[in-house]
Protein backbone atom coordinates (compact mmCIF):
# COMPACT_ATOMS: atom_id res chain seq x y z
CA MET A 1 -12.27 36.18 -8.23
CA GLU A 2 -15.61 38.23 -6.96
CA ILE A 3 -17.58 40.10 -9.28
CA ALA A 4 -19.12 43.15 -8.01
CA GLY A 5 -22.34 43.32 -10.33
CA SER A 6 -24.00 42.75 -13.54
CA GLU A 7 -22.20 45.58 -15.21
CA GLU A 8 -18.84 44.23 -14.44
CA ILE A 9 -19.91 40.67 -15.78
CA TYR A 10 -21.16 42.29 -18.86
CA LYS A 11 -17.84 44.15 -19.50
CA PHE A 12 -16.05 40.85 -18.93
CA GLU A 13 -18.23 38.99 -21.12
CA GLU A 14 -17.82 41.72 -23.95
CA LYS A 15 -13.97 41.72 -23.57
CA TYR A 16 -13.09 37.96 -23.24
CA GLY A 17 -16.60 36.21 -24.07
CA ASP A 18 -18.75 34.21 -21.48
CA ASP A 19 -16.84 31.14 -21.82
CA THR A 20 -13.72 32.80 -20.51
CA LEU A 21 -15.80 33.99 -17.63
CA TYR A 22 -17.28 30.85 -16.40
CA LYS A 23 -13.97 29.29 -16.89
CA LYS A 24 -12.39 31.84 -14.70
CA LEU A 25 -14.98 31.57 -11.88
CA GLY A 26 -14.63 27.88 -12.03
CA LYS A 27 -11.00 28.21 -11.65
CA ASP A 28 -11.35 30.82 -8.90
CA ARG A 29 -13.78 28.59 -7.13
CA ALA A 30 -11.40 25.55 -7.35
CA ILE A 31 -8.34 27.49 -5.92
CA ARG A 32 -10.36 28.73 -3.14
CA GLU A 33 -11.88 25.13 -2.37
CA ASN A 34 -8.42 23.61 -2.38
CA ILE A 35 -6.81 26.38 -0.04
CA PRO A 36 -7.48 24.35 3.02
CA LEU A 37 -5.57 21.27 1.30
CA ILE A 38 -2.91 23.65 0.43
CA PHE A 39 -2.63 25.18 3.90
CA ILE A 40 -2.53 21.71 5.63
CA LEU A 41 -0.16 20.44 3.24
CA LEU A 42 2.39 23.37 3.84
CA SER A 43 2.00 23.28 7.49
CA ALA A 44 2.51 19.58 7.57
CA ILE A 45 5.81 19.78 5.43
CA ILE A 46 7.11 22.71 7.63
CA VAL A 47 6.45 20.99 10.88
CA ILE A 48 7.28 17.36 9.92
CA PHE A 49 10.37 18.06 8.04
CA HIS A 50 11.75 20.53 10.60
CA ASN A 51 15.40 19.50 11.44
CA THR A 52 15.22 15.73 10.54
CA GLY A 53 18.91 15.35 11.14
CA GLY A 54 20.58 14.35 14.28
CA SER A 55 21.37 10.83 15.19
CA LEU A 56 19.40 7.90 15.19
CA ALA A 57 17.35 6.43 17.87
CA ASP A 58 17.53 2.82 19.28
CA TRP A 59 16.34 0.32 18.52
CA ASP A 60 13.90 0.09 15.28
CA GLU A 61 14.92 3.27 13.68
CA SER A 62 18.77 2.36 13.71
CA ILE A 63 17.72 -1.24 12.39
CA TYR A 64 15.83 -0.18 9.66
CA ALA A 65 18.65 2.47 8.63
CA GLU A 66 21.17 -0.15 8.79
CA VAL A 67 19.00 -2.68 6.77
CA SER A 68 18.62 -0.11 4.06
CA LYS A 69 22.37 0.56 3.83
CA GLU A 70 23.09 -3.12 3.63
CA ILE A 71 21.05 -3.48 0.67
CA LEU A 72 23.64 -1.16 -1.42
CA ILE A 73 26.61 -3.14 0.48
CA TYR A 74 25.34 -6.71 -0.64
CA ARG A 75 23.70 -5.34 -3.93
CA ASP A 76 20.66 -7.53 -2.85
CA TRP A 77 17.38 -6.05 -3.01
CA ILE A 78 15.46 -9.35 -2.53
CA THR A 79 17.02 -10.79 0.64
CA LEU A 80 17.61 -8.19 3.72
CA HIS A 81 20.49 -8.22 5.84
CA TRP A 82 21.31 -6.58 9.20
CA ASN A 83 24.80 -6.68 10.92
CA TYR A 84 25.97 -8.53 7.80
CA SER A 85 23.69 -11.62 8.39
CA LEU A 86 20.15 -12.64 6.81
CA TRP A 87 17.38 -10.57 8.53
CA PHE A 88 13.75 -11.67 8.13
CA HIS A 89 11.88 -9.58 10.66
CA LYS A 90 9.91 -7.39 8.23
CA PRO A 91 9.12 -6.73 4.64
CA PRO A 92 11.44 -4.87 2.58
CA LEU A 93 9.17 -1.80 1.02
CA TYR A 94 10.43 1.01 3.40
CA MET A 95 14.02 -0.33 3.13
CA TRP A 96 14.02 -0.20 -0.45
CA LEU A 97 12.65 3.22 -0.70
CA THR A 98 15.33 4.30 1.84
CA ALA A 99 18.26 2.66 -0.14
CA ILE A 100 17.06 4.81 -3.15
CA MET A 101 17.42 8.03 -0.95
CA TYR A 102 20.91 6.48 0.16
CA LYS A 103 21.78 6.38 -3.54
CA ILE A 104 20.48 9.97 -4.35
CA PHE A 105 21.23 12.05 -1.04
CA GLY A 106 24.01 9.88 0.65
CA VAL A 107 23.81 7.60 3.93
CA ASN A 108 22.69 9.90 6.65
CA GLU A 109 19.84 10.64 8.86
CA PHE A 110 17.63 12.69 6.39
CA SER A 111 17.66 10.00 4.09
CA ALA A 112 16.62 7.28 6.62
CA ARG A 113 13.92 9.55 7.90
CA PHE A 114 12.60 11.06 4.61
CA TRP A 115 10.08 8.46 3.42
CA SER A 116 8.37 8.52 7.21
CA ALA A 117 8.19 12.16 6.95
CA ILE A 118 6.81 11.89 3.21
CA PHE A 119 4.08 9.37 4.42
CA GLY A 120 3.28 11.35 7.66
CA THR A 121 2.64 14.20 5.53
CA GLY A 122 0.33 12.18 3.11
CA GLY A 123 -1.43 10.69 6.03
CA ILE A 124 -2.64 14.16 7.24
CA VAL A 125 -3.61 14.74 3.63
CA ILE A 126 -5.58 11.54 3.29
CA THR A 127 -7.31 12.42 6.92
CA TYR A 128 -8.45 15.49 5.23
CA PHE A 129 -10.08 13.72 2.14
CA LEU A 130 -11.43 10.92 4.55
CA GLY A 131 -13.32 13.77 6.80
CA LYS A 132 -14.25 15.55 3.65
CA GLU A 133 -15.81 12.53 2.04
CA LEU A 134 -17.27 11.01 5.29
CA TYR A 135 -18.76 14.25 6.66
CA ASN A 136 -17.90 17.61 5.12
CA LYS A 137 -14.87 19.75 4.08
CA TYR A 138 -15.11 21.50 7.66
CA VAL A 139 -14.61 18.03 9.58
CA GLY A 140 -12.00 17.27 6.97
CA LEU A 141 -9.73 20.50 7.58
CA ILE A 142 -10.27 20.00 11.40
CA SER A 143 -9.32 16.39 11.53
CA SER A 144 -6.10 16.88 9.59
CA MET A 145 -5.16 19.78 11.91
CA ILE A 146 -5.86 17.43 14.86
CA LEU A 147 -3.66 14.69 13.33
CA LEU A 148 -0.97 17.19 12.60
CA THR A 149 -0.94 18.33 16.45
CA THR A 150 -1.07 14.78 17.84
CA PRO A 151 2.03 14.33 19.52
CA GLN A 152 2.76 10.73 18.89
CA TYR A 153 1.86 10.61 15.19
CA LEU A 154 3.91 13.80 14.70
CA ASN A 155 6.90 12.46 16.46
CA TYR A 156 7.04 9.09 14.81
CA SER A 157 6.35 10.87 11.49
CA ARG A 158 9.85 12.29 12.04
CA MET A 159 11.53 8.98 12.63
CA GLY A 160 12.57 6.42 9.96
CA MET A 161 10.20 3.50 11.60
CA LEU A 162 7.22 1.54 9.68
CA ASP A 163 4.23 2.84 11.75
CA VAL A 164 3.48 5.92 10.12
CA PRO A 165 4.00 4.54 6.52
CA VAL A 166 1.61 1.50 7.29
CA THR A 167 -0.99 3.97 8.55
CA PHE A 168 -0.61 5.93 5.46
CA PHE A 169 -1.63 3.02 3.36
CA ILE A 170 -4.14 1.82 5.81
CA GLY A 171 -5.96 5.08 5.59
CA LEU A 172 -5.56 5.13 1.78
CA SER A 173 -7.36 1.67 1.61
CA ILE A 174 -10.17 2.92 3.85
CA LEU A 175 -10.55 6.20 1.54
CA PHE A 176 -10.59 4.14 -1.56
CA PHE A 177 -13.03 1.57 0.06
CA TRP A 178 -15.43 4.48 1.16
CA LEU A 179 -15.25 5.87 -2.61
CA GLY A 180 -15.74 2.32 -3.94
CA LEU A 181 -19.22 2.17 -2.31
CA LYS A 182 -20.05 4.81 -4.87
CA ASN A 183 -17.97 3.76 -7.70
CA ASN A 184 -17.01 0.25 -7.44
CA LYS A 185 -13.66 0.56 -9.58
CA TYR A 186 -11.80 2.11 -6.24
CA PHE A 187 -12.30 -1.15 -4.67
CA ILE A 188 -9.11 -2.38 -6.92
CA LEU A 189 -7.10 0.80 -5.64
CA SER A 190 -8.03 -0.43 -1.97
CA GLY A 191 -6.80 -3.72 -2.60
CA ILE A 192 -3.30 -2.38 -3.95
CA SER A 193 -3.23 0.00 -0.96
CA VAL A 194 -3.57 -2.95 1.33
CA GLY A 195 -0.70 -4.78 -0.70
CA PHE A 196 1.50 -1.98 -0.09
CA ALA A 197 0.71 -1.85 3.83
CA ILE A 198 1.51 -5.66 3.90
CA MET A 199 4.80 -4.76 2.24
CA THR A 200 5.51 -2.14 4.47
CA LYS A 201 4.72 -4.14 7.93
CA GLY A 202 3.47 -7.36 7.22
CA VAL A 203 0.54 -8.57 8.81
CA VAL A 204 -0.36 -5.26 10.29
CA GLY A 205 -1.18 -4.34 6.86
CA LEU A 206 -4.11 -6.75 6.91
CA LEU A 207 -6.14 -4.20 9.27
CA PRO A 208 -8.09 -2.73 6.36
CA PHE A 209 -9.49 -6.26 5.76
CA PHE A 210 -10.90 -6.74 9.25
CA ILE A 211 -12.15 -3.01 9.40
CA VAL A 212 -14.24 -3.47 6.24
CA LEU A 213 -15.72 -6.89 7.17
CA LEU A 214 -16.76 -5.46 10.68
CA PHE A 215 -18.31 -2.23 8.75
CA LEU A 216 -20.23 -4.47 6.45
CA PHE A 217 -21.34 -6.73 9.34
CA LEU A 218 -22.63 -3.79 11.59
CA THR A 219 -24.37 -2.12 8.60
CA THR A 220 -26.02 -5.58 7.88
CA ASN A 221 -25.07 -5.31 4.02
CA LEU A 222 -22.75 -7.99 2.78
CA SER A 223 -23.63 -7.20 -1.00
CA PRO A 224 -20.16 -5.40 -1.83
CA LEU A 225 -18.60 -8.90 -0.94
CA LYS A 226 -20.17 -10.12 -4.11
CA ASN A 227 -18.89 -7.28 -6.35
CA LYS A 228 -16.48 -8.18 -8.94
CA ASN A 229 -14.05 -5.16 -8.04
CA LEU A 230 -14.06 -6.08 -4.66
CA LEU A 231 -12.63 -9.46 -5.42
CA LYS A 232 -10.46 -7.83 -7.86
CA GLY A 233 -9.02 -5.60 -5.17
CA PHE A 234 -8.27 -8.61 -3.00
CA ILE A 235 -6.45 -10.22 -5.98
CA ALA A 236 -4.29 -6.88 -6.26
CA SER A 237 -3.37 -7.01 -2.81
CA ILE A 238 -2.22 -10.56 -3.20
CA ALA A 239 -0.38 -9.68 -6.31
CA VAL A 240 1.40 -6.86 -4.66
CA ALA A 241 2.55 -8.57 -1.60
CA ALA A 242 2.52 -12.16 -2.66
CA PRO A 243 6.07 -12.16 -4.96
CA TRP A 244 8.34 -11.04 -2.36
CA HIS A 245 6.94 -13.50 0.35
CA ILE A 246 7.12 -16.43 -2.19
CA SER A 247 10.69 -15.49 -3.35
CA GLN A 248 11.86 -15.40 0.53
CA LEU A 249 10.26 -19.07 0.83
CA ILE A 250 11.95 -20.40 -2.24
CA LEU A 251 15.09 -18.83 -1.30
CA HIS A 252 15.10 -19.60 2.56
CA GLY A 253 12.63 -22.03 3.17
CA LYS A 254 11.73 -22.95 6.88
CA LYS A 255 14.33 -20.43 8.13
CA PHE A 256 12.33 -17.70 6.68
CA PHE A 257 8.98 -19.31 7.82
CA ASP A 258 9.94 -19.79 11.36
CA ASN A 259 11.57 -16.54 11.67
CA TYR A 260 9.09 -14.06 9.96
CA PHE A 261 5.84 -15.92 10.43
CA MET A 262 6.18 -18.12 13.45
CA TYR A 263 8.42 -15.62 15.53
CA HIS A 264 7.32 -12.21 14.48
CA VAL A 265 3.54 -12.84 14.00
CA ILE A 266 2.41 -15.73 15.75
CA LYS A 267 4.68 -15.78 18.98
CA ARG A 268 4.52 -11.92 18.97
CA SER A 269 0.55 -12.33 19.21
CA GLU A 270 0.58 -15.15 21.69
CA GLN A 271 3.29 -14.04 24.08
CA ALA A 272 5.21 -10.87 25.42
CA ILE A 273 8.46 -11.26 23.75
CA GLU A 274 11.66 -9.30 24.39
CA GLY A 275 9.96 -7.69 27.36
CA HIS A 276 7.40 -5.82 25.59
CA ILE A 277 4.67 -6.42 28.16
CA GLY A 278 1.58 -4.56 29.03
CA THR A 279 -1.97 -5.06 30.64
CA ASP A 280 -5.12 -4.95 28.49
CA PHE A 281 -5.38 -0.99 29.43
CA TYR A 282 -1.88 -0.46 28.16
CA TYR A 283 -2.80 1.39 24.92
CA PHE A 284 -5.46 3.60 26.80
CA ASP A 285 -2.60 4.82 28.67
CA ILE A 286 -0.62 5.65 25.41
CA LEU A 287 -3.48 7.33 24.04
CA LYS A 288 -4.08 9.49 27.14
CA ARG A 289 -0.40 11.06 26.34
CA GLY A 290 0.00 10.42 22.63
CA PHE A 291 -3.12 11.97 21.72
CA HIS A 292 -2.98 14.92 24.12
CA PRO A 293 -4.75 17.31 24.33
CA TYR A 294 -7.57 15.57 22.41
CA SER A 295 -7.47 12.50 24.32
CA VAL A 296 -10.02 13.90 26.96
CA PHE A 297 -12.86 13.96 24.27
CA ILE A 298 -12.23 10.33 22.80
CA LEU A 299 -14.87 8.78 24.96
CA PHE A 300 -17.39 11.27 24.33
CA ALA A 301 -16.78 11.46 20.51
CA VAL A 302 -16.86 7.90 20.08
CA LEU A 303 -20.33 7.69 22.01
CA TYR A 304 -21.57 10.61 19.78
CA ASN A 305 -20.47 8.19 16.69
CA ALA A 306 -22.15 5.19 18.42
CA LYS A 307 -25.37 7.24 19.09
CA THR A 308 -25.71 8.31 15.49
CA ALA A 309 -24.37 4.94 14.04
CA PHE A 310 -27.30 2.95 15.87
CA GLU A 311 -29.96 5.25 16.08
CA GLU A 312 -29.62 7.00 12.76
CA LYS A 313 -27.74 4.24 10.84
CA LYS A 314 -25.23 6.49 9.81
CA LYS A 315 -22.79 4.40 7.75
CA GLU A 316 -19.82 7.03 8.08
CA ASP A 317 -20.08 6.62 11.84
CA ILE A 318 -20.10 2.91 11.64
CA LEU A 319 -16.87 2.97 9.43
CA ILE A 320 -15.13 5.26 12.07
CA LEU A 321 -16.18 3.05 15.08
CA SER A 322 -15.26 -0.13 13.12
CA TRP A 323 -11.73 1.43 12.30
CA ILE A 324 -11.22 2.24 16.11
CA GLY A 325 -12.60 -0.85 17.07
CA VAL A 326 -10.40 -3.05 14.95
CA VAL A 327 -7.15 -1.43 15.83
CA LEU A 328 -7.64 -1.11 19.56
CA GLY A 329 -8.92 -4.51 19.84
CA VAL A 330 -6.25 -6.34 17.58
CA PHE A 331 -3.16 -4.85 19.54
CA THR A 332 -5.07 -4.92 22.86
CA LEU A 333 -5.29 -8.84 22.42
CA ALA A 334 -1.87 -9.16 20.99
CA GLN A 335 0.39 -10.03 24.09
CA SER A 336 3.59 -8.18 22.92
CA LYS A 337 2.83 -4.43 23.12
CA LEU A 338 4.78 -1.30 22.09
CA SER A 339 3.38 2.21 22.19
CA TRP A 340 3.92 2.85 18.36
CA TYR A 341 1.71 -0.19 17.44
CA ILE A 342 -1.25 1.86 18.03
CA ILE A 343 -0.48 4.82 15.73
CA PRO A 344 -2.94 3.27 12.74
CA ILE A 345 -5.97 4.39 15.21
CA TYR A 346 -5.05 8.26 15.01
CA PRO A 347 -6.64 9.15 11.77
CA ALA A 348 -9.73 7.58 13.06
CA LEU A 349 -9.63 9.30 16.27
CA SER A 350 -8.94 12.54 14.54
CA ILE A 351 -11.90 12.29 12.48
CA SER A 352 -14.23 11.35 15.42
CA VAL A 353 -13.22 14.25 17.50
CA ALA A 354 -13.00 16.50 14.70
CA GLN A 355 -16.86 15.64 13.93
CA PHE A 356 -17.71 15.93 17.60
CA PHE A 357 -16.19 19.73 17.50
CA TYR A 358 -18.11 20.60 14.53
CA LYS A 359 -21.45 19.16 15.98
CA PHE A 360 -20.79 21.20 19.62
CA ILE A 361 -20.69 24.10 17.55
CA GLU A 362 -23.47 23.51 14.90
CA LYS A 363 -25.94 21.75 17.32
CA ARG A 364 -25.07 21.80 21.06
CA ASP A 365 -27.24 18.80 21.79
CA GLY A 366 -27.38 17.41 25.21
CA LEU A 367 -24.62 14.47 24.73
CA ILE A 368 -22.27 16.83 22.72
CA PHE A 369 -22.57 19.77 24.99
CA GLY A 370 -22.21 17.56 28.17
CA GLY A 371 -19.21 15.85 26.55
CA MET A 372 -17.36 19.10 25.72
CA PHE A 373 -17.95 20.46 29.19
CA ILE A 374 -16.76 17.19 30.95
CA GLY A 375 -13.88 17.14 28.48
CA PHE A 376 -12.79 20.53 29.56
CA VAL A 377 -12.95 19.65 33.09
CA LEU A 378 -10.73 16.59 32.31
CA TRP A 379 -8.29 18.78 30.54
CA ILE A 380 -7.91 21.00 33.60
CA SER A 381 -7.56 17.93 35.83
CA SER A 382 -4.88 16.64 33.41
CA PHE A 383 -2.51 19.48 35.13
CA PHE A 384 -2.17 16.70 37.73
CA ILE A 385 -0.76 14.37 35.39
CA ILE A 386 2.87 14.46 34.64
CA ILE A 387 2.92 16.24 31.45
CA PRO A 388 4.95 19.39 31.13
CA ILE A 389 2.74 22.68 32.10
CA HIS A 390 3.41 24.41 28.88
CA SER A 391 2.23 21.32 26.80
CA LYS A 392 -1.04 21.43 28.75
CA LEU A 393 -1.72 25.30 28.34
CA ILE A 394 -0.79 25.30 24.83
CA GLY A 395 -2.83 22.21 24.27
CA GLY A 396 -5.90 24.24 25.59
CA VAL A 397 -5.06 26.90 23.23
CA ILE A 398 -5.28 24.78 20.21
CA ILE A 399 -8.60 23.32 21.36
CA CYS A 400 -9.96 27.02 21.53
CA ILE A 401 -8.45 27.79 18.11
CA ILE A 402 -10.20 24.94 16.32
CA LEU A 403 -13.42 25.51 18.09
CA PHE A 404 -13.06 29.10 17.11
CA LEU A 405 -12.26 28.04 13.52
CA ILE A 406 -15.19 25.94 13.31
CA ASP A 407 -17.44 28.49 14.66
CA GLU A 408 -16.30 31.01 12.16
CA MET A 409 -16.88 28.70 9.15
CA ILE A 410 -20.41 27.88 10.29
CA ARG A 411 -21.45 31.31 10.79
CA HIS A 412 -20.08 32.58 7.44
CA GLN A 413 -21.43 29.22 5.85
CA LYS A 414 -18.28 29.17 3.75
CA LEU A 415 -15.04 27.39 4.27
CA LEU A 416 -12.44 30.18 3.14
CA ASN A 417 -13.64 33.92 2.77
CA ASN A 418 -11.95 37.00 3.71
CA VAL A 419 -12.96 36.74 7.26
CA ILE A 420 -11.67 33.24 7.58
CA ILE A 421 -8.45 34.07 5.86
CA LYS A 422 -7.79 37.11 7.79
CA LYS A 423 -8.65 35.59 11.25
CA SER A 424 -8.90 32.02 11.69
CA ILE A 425 -5.99 30.81 9.44
CA SER A 426 -3.57 33.17 10.92
CA ILE A 427 -4.50 32.19 14.30
CA LEU A 428 -4.35 28.66 13.36
CA LEU A 429 -0.80 28.82 11.98
CA VAL A 430 0.25 30.26 15.08
CA GLY A 431 -1.35 27.23 17.01
CA VAL A 432 0.35 24.79 14.72
CA LEU A 433 3.73 26.50 15.33
CA LEU A 434 3.03 26.42 19.30
CA ILE A 435 2.09 22.83 19.21
CA SER A 436 5.02 21.96 17.23
CA THR A 437 7.56 23.64 19.58
CA ILE A 438 6.24 21.70 22.54
CA HIS A 439 6.04 18.36 21.12
CA LEU A 440 9.07 18.29 19.00
CA PRO A 441 13.08 18.37 19.91
CA LEU A 442 14.74 20.98 17.74
CA VAL A 443 16.97 18.21 16.53
CA LEU A 444 16.18 14.52 16.47
CA ASN A 445 19.50 13.59 18.43
CA TYR A 446 19.19 10.45 20.10
CA ASN A 447 22.48 9.33 20.27
CA PRO A 448 25.03 11.72 19.66
CA ASN A 449 27.69 10.47 21.80
CA ILE A 450 27.52 6.66 20.30
CA LYS A 451 27.66 8.30 16.89
CA VAL A 452 30.79 10.28 17.38
CA VAL A 453 32.42 7.45 18.96
CA ALA A 454 31.35 5.00 16.22
CA GLN A 455 32.21 7.39 13.52
CA ASN A 456 35.98 7.78 15.02
CA MET A 457 36.09 4.03 15.28
CA LYS A 458 35.51 3.51 11.77
CA ILE A 459 38.45 5.89 10.95
CA VAL A 460 41.13 3.90 12.91
CA SER A 461 39.99 0.60 12.39
CA THR A 462 39.67 -1.69 9.15
CA PRO A 463 36.53 -3.21 7.52
CA ASN A 464 37.53 -6.59 9.10
CA ASP A 465 37.55 -5.32 12.63
CA THR A 466 34.72 -6.03 14.88
CA PHE A 467 33.05 -3.51 17.02
CA TYR A 468 32.10 -5.04 20.61
CA LEU A 469 29.58 -3.65 22.97
CA TYR A 470 30.13 -4.34 26.57
CA THR A 471 26.72 -4.18 28.46
CA ILE A 472 25.55 -1.86 26.02
CA SER A 473 22.48 -2.81 23.97
CA SER A 474 22.42 -0.33 21.00
CA PRO A 475 21.97 -1.14 17.19
CA ALA A 476 23.09 2.70 16.43
CA PRO A 477 26.86 1.75 16.67
CA LEU A 478 26.48 -0.56 13.57
CA PHE A 479 24.95 2.14 11.31
CA TYR A 480 27.52 4.52 12.18
CA SER A 481 30.86 2.27 12.21
CA ASP A 482 30.22 0.25 9.08
CA ARG A 483 31.90 -2.57 11.05
CA LYS A 484 30.22 -5.60 12.40
CA VAL A 485 28.98 -5.28 15.93
CA SER A 486 28.92 -7.85 18.43
CA GLY A 487 27.31 -7.70 22.32
CA ILE A 488 29.00 -8.79 25.22
CA ASN A 489 27.40 -9.36 28.64
CA ASP A 490 29.80 -11.97 30.05
CA GLU A 491 32.94 -10.37 31.64
CA ASN A 492 34.72 -13.90 30.82
CA ARG A 493 34.12 -13.39 27.08
CA LEU A 494 35.36 -9.87 27.54
CA LYS A 495 38.73 -11.14 29.13
CA GLN A 496 38.98 -13.71 26.30
CA ILE A 497 38.77 -11.14 23.63
CA PHE A 498 41.39 -8.89 25.53
CA ASN A 499 43.74 -12.19 25.55
CA ASP A 500 43.29 -13.03 22.05
CA THR A 501 43.74 -9.57 20.37
CA LYS A 502 46.28 -7.01 20.59
CA THR A 503 43.98 -4.10 19.41
CA VAL A 504 40.36 -4.64 20.25
CA PHE A 505 37.51 -1.91 19.71
CA VAL A 506 34.98 -1.94 22.57
CA LEU A 507 32.43 0.48 23.70
CA ILE A 508 32.45 0.50 27.21
CA LYS A 509 30.26 2.89 29.70
CA THR A 510 32.15 5.69 31.18
CA GLY A 511 31.82 4.60 34.47
CA GLU A 512 33.19 0.89 33.80
CA VAL A 513 36.62 2.10 32.21
CA ALA A 514 38.75 2.60 35.22
CA ARG A 515 37.60 -0.92 36.75
CA ILE A 516 38.19 -2.59 33.41
CA GLU A 517 41.94 -1.09 33.16
CA GLU A 518 42.72 -2.01 36.65
CA THR A 519 41.22 -5.56 36.34
CA TYR A 520 42.86 -6.90 33.31
CA LYS A 521 46.05 -4.34 33.64
CA ILE A 522 45.29 -3.18 30.03
CA SER A 523 45.56 0.41 28.55
CA ILE A 524 42.21 1.67 27.13
CA TYR A 525 42.31 4.23 24.28
CA SER A 526 39.69 6.87 24.62
CA GLY A 527 41.01 9.65 22.35
CA PHE A 528 37.66 10.22 20.74
């Protein structure tokens, strides 16, 4: 609410009283201050929740969706099952939440992906608050927009997987830790967030501990470690995560320990299992594509963070560097590598690049100006990288829009006034919609054919039948058929099944059908 002059103020006070005036002014200011958050939240919801139906992807998404379904089948919320057998790969938090969605909205793709989308949206909001608390409200707004338009983060926010949810809890923990440096009661909430991160993706949830330890070491200030509330936070994280782990050790003993800890933690870190191999530069290549078009500025943004961190001893820059360094270092050292492991780095990178953009407009010092110039040269050179041409063009448009928005905010010295609302926000909204169209498929339809076949097999089979997959590696049929699935790679085993069973349900690649019919003199029904 804008008051034109003293006469209007006097009339307002005379009619409503001066207390009402100041309440209205305060309310108006609060609304205006929260417009960026509302804008970010609505943009994230529109983009992330856009067409979350379709069919599930291999592997992890289909597995987690099925594990969640078998919670309801077995009515067992403590011990997880997959393919009607014990499953000790991951903690249960995400599967618990998905099972609740199944009970409310039914077993479908939307329910399987709902919580990942919620946590993806929440991660963008947390990035806004982190940028605002570490630097200023401008950096908060820009960093959240960068994360919203980051291809890999956006795609995995729309898939029922664990990496975006664990990133949410990691970011929440870091936010509470930073607030705890001013009010140490927040340390307890930071610890609780770590507990939920552990319950989402196991040992990955411990990353905030290492980030905080590195931060305290680099700031040469270990006094927070002596704080009672930090200790309480540590105890709170154990209180959240320990009960389920202890219950599994009691119920399943060595079987759980060997599978959950020794194989999926120790062996994954020491060896490249299940073909998940990569060089020491594996994640640099992932970031180049997954953080496009901002990836060309990573080096210069991090260098600027390092400059201010060690020359000016700025704690906020040291925290961002610690976050980036720990995540990149841990997953680079781990021998098993998958592209989505690196997702927890994106909030920190978004804040780093947002701060770099902001300083470019505000200061234009040598390092920043040179970095921006070289970054744009690299962006132009990216046209020689195998990325769709429209993605590169619109990526450049997005960067220009963000720089324009920062310039408007700085020149008017307000986060949102009439000029910003009329010009910048409308343009930025167009940018968000553009970036969403190039990074997102209209429908997340990864296995449409398998979905149709498996659902039809369910109709013509009984619950006791087994669905065999011949030389096909996919967990999706299990989710869609509600039948136990068994993989076959040995043709002798296939022959044995044909001989022992009058009617058998086997998913065979189209090119193999004629040969199988001829070889085994059988009739294959493919009326689906």
